[in-house]
């Protein structure tokens, strides 16, 4: 979680003015999102599987029920951890969305800057020809 938060709070891209470099940073940002989502899906799946196992009814054996250990406390603990992970996932998602918007705005500014410089260069070239 700390690694992902650090990546999402990183604003070093603000000093980059090259359009291709910013586009590369956006691709890295999208890969980070995929990594976060993949991990969350894996944790969710594992949590559900574990909860299902912990909540199974006692097993019948030769018409008698074997005494099943009490797992309600363990199931409650697993659920608490899952809810905590879910909340962290929501926080990371908000951070990711915010940084995505910031990166898109920065890309548009870089593109505007690049286009402006090209127009100025063309205007100067035209003045020299006259």
Protein backbone atom coordinates (compact mmCIF):
# COMPACT_ATOMS: atom_id res chain seq x y z
CA UNK A 1 0.00 0.00 0.00
CA UNK A 2 2.78 2.45 0.87
CA UNK A 3 4.51 1.88 -2.48
CA UNK A 4 1.27 2.57 -4.35
CA UNK A 5 0.49 5.66 -2.28
CA UNK A 6 4.01 6.99 -2.89
CA UNK A 7 3.60 6.43 -6.63
CA UNK A 8 0.21 8.15 -6.66
CA UNK A 9 1.49 11.12 -4.66
CA UNK A 10 4.54 11.57 -6.90
CA UNK A 11 4.35 14.94 -8.68
CA UNK A 12 7.77 14.91 -10.36
CA UNK A 13 6.00 14.76 -13.74
CA UNK A 14 5.06 18.44 -13.26
CA UNK A 15 8.60 19.43 -14.23
CA UNK A 16 8.45 17.42 -17.47
CA UNK A 17 7.55 19.36 -20.61
CA UNK A 18 8.05 16.70 -23.28
CA UNK A 19 4.77 15.32 -24.64
CA UNK A 20 6.18 11.82 -25.28
CA UNK A 21 7.60 11.61 -21.77
CA UNK A 22 4.27 12.64 -20.22
CA UNK A 23 2.48 10.06 -22.38
CA UNK A 24 4.90 7.44 -21.05
CA UNK A 25 4.14 8.53 -17.48
CA UNK A 26 0.42 8.13 -18.22
CA UNK A 27 1.04 4.58 -19.50
CA UNK A 28 2.95 3.79 -16.29
CA UNK A 29 0.06 5.25 -14.30
CA UNK A 30 -2.39 2.96 -16.11
CA UNK A 31 -0.16 -0.07 -15.43
CA UNK A 32 -0.10 0.88 -11.74
CA UNK A 33 -3.90 0.89 -11.74
CA UNK A 34 -3.96 -2.57 -13.29
CA UNK A 35 -1.54 -3.84 -10.63
CA UNK A 36 -3.71 -2.41 -7.84
CA UNK A 37 -6.87 -3.89 -9.35
CA UNK A 38 -5.27 -7.32 -9.86
CA UNK A 39 -4.13 -7.43 -6.24
CA UNK A 40 -7.51 -6.33 -4.94
CA UNK A 41 -9.30 -8.99 -7.01
CA UNK A 42 -6.92 -11.66 -5.68
CA UNK A 43 -7.42 -10.56 -2.06
CA UNK A 44 -11.19 -10.42 -2.53
CA UNK A 45 -11.28 -13.87 -4.04
CA UNK A 46 -9.07 -15.35 -1.32
CA UNK A 47 -11.12 -13.66 1.41
CA UNK A 48 -14.40 -15.01 0.04
CA UNK A 49 -12.96 -18.52 -0.29
CA UNK A 50 -11.64 -18.42 3.26
CA UNK A 51 -14.93 -17.11 4.63
CA UNK A 52 -16.81 -19.88 2.82
CA UNK A 53 -14.55 -22.50 4.41
CA UNK A 54 -14.87 -20.97 7.87
CA UNK A 55 -18.66 -20.85 7.64
CA UNK A 56 -19.26 -24.43 6.47
CA UNK A 57 -21.68 -26.45 8.62
CA UNK A 58 -20.45 -29.43 10.68
CA UNK A 59 -19.60 -32.58 8.75
CA UNK A 60 -21.71 -35.75 9.16
CA UNK A 61 -19.74 -38.94 9.69
CA UNK A 62 -21.48 -42.32 10.22
CA UNK A 63 -24.78 -40.63 11.08
CA UNK A 64 -23.10 -38.60 13.78
CA UNK A 65 -21.91 -35.06 13.55
CA UNK A 66 -18.27 -34.50 14.17
CA UNK A 67 -17.73 -31.61 16.48
CA UNK A 68 -16.83 -28.67 14.28
CA UNK A 69 -14.49 -26.08 15.76
CA UNK A 70 -15.95 -22.65 16.30
CA UNK A 71 -14.64 -20.41 13.56
CA UNK A 72 -16.98 -17.44 13.95
CA UNK A 73 -14.25 -15.34 15.56
CA UNK A 74 -11.83 -16.21 12.76
CA UNK A 75 -14.50 -15.46 10.15
CA UNK A 76 -15.17 -12.12 11.80
CA UNK A 77 -11.45 -11.32 11.74
CA UNK A 78 -11.19 -12.23 8.04
CA UNK A 79 -14.19 -10.01 7.32
CA UNK A 80 -12.62 -7.11 9.25
CA UNK A 81 -9.42 -7.43 7.26
CA UNK A 82 -11.35 -7.64 4.00
CA UNK A 83 -13.27 -4.45 4.86
CA UNK A 84 -10.02 -2.70 5.71
CA UNK A 85 -8.50 -3.77 2.38
CA UNK A 86 -11.66 -2.62 0.61
CA UNK A 87 -11.38 0.82 2.21
CA UNK A 88 -7.71 1.09 1.22
CA UNK A 89 -8.70 0.12 -2.31
CA UNK A 90 -11.28 2.92 -2.40
CA UNK A 91 -8.68 5.42 -1.14
CA UNK A 92 -6.16 4.28 -3.76
CA UNK A 93 -8.82 4.53 -6.47
CA UNK A 94 -9.62 8.13 -5.50
CA UNK A 95 -5.91 8.98 -5.50
CA UNK A 96 -5.45 7.25 -8.87
CA UNK A 97 -8.37 9.14 -10.42
CA UNK A 98 -7.08 12.46 -9.10
CA UNK A 99 -3.59 11.84 -10.47
CA UNK A 100 -5.01 10.64 -13.81
CA UNK A 101 -6.87 13.94 -14.19
CA UNK A 102 -3.79 15.89 -13.23
CA UNK A 103 -1.67 13.96 -15.74
CA UNK A 104 -4.21 14.56 -18.51
CA UNK A 105 -4.25 18.29 -17.75
CA UNK A 106 -0.47 18.37 -17.72
CA UNK A 107 -0.35 16.55 -21.06
CA UNK A 108 -2.75 19.09 -22.57
CA UNK A 109 -0.60 21.95 -21.27
CA UNK A 110 2.52 20.35 -22.75
CA UNK A 111 0.77 19.91 -26.09
CA UNK A 112 -0.37 23.54 -26.01
CA UNK A 113 3.16 24.66 -25.19
CA UNK A 114 4.58 22.55 -28.03
CA UNK A 115 2.00 23.90 -30.50
CA UNK A 116 2.58 27.48 -29.36
CA UNK A 117 6.32 27.17 -29.87
CA UNK A 118 5.75 25.76 -33.34
CA UNK A 119 3.45 28.67 -34.28
CA UNK A 120 5.98 31.20 -32.96
CA UNK A 121 8.76 29.48 -34.90
CA UNK A 122 6.68 29.48 -38.11
CA UNK A 123 5.76 33.16 -37.62
CA UNK A 124 9.40 34.11 -37.18
CA UNK A 125 10.36 32.13 -40.29
CA UNK A 126 7.64 33.88 -42.29
CA UNK A 127 8.86 37.31 -41.12
CA UNK A 128 12.40 36.49 -42.16
CA UNK A 129 11.22 35.58 -45.67
CA UNK A 130 9.45 38.89 -46.10
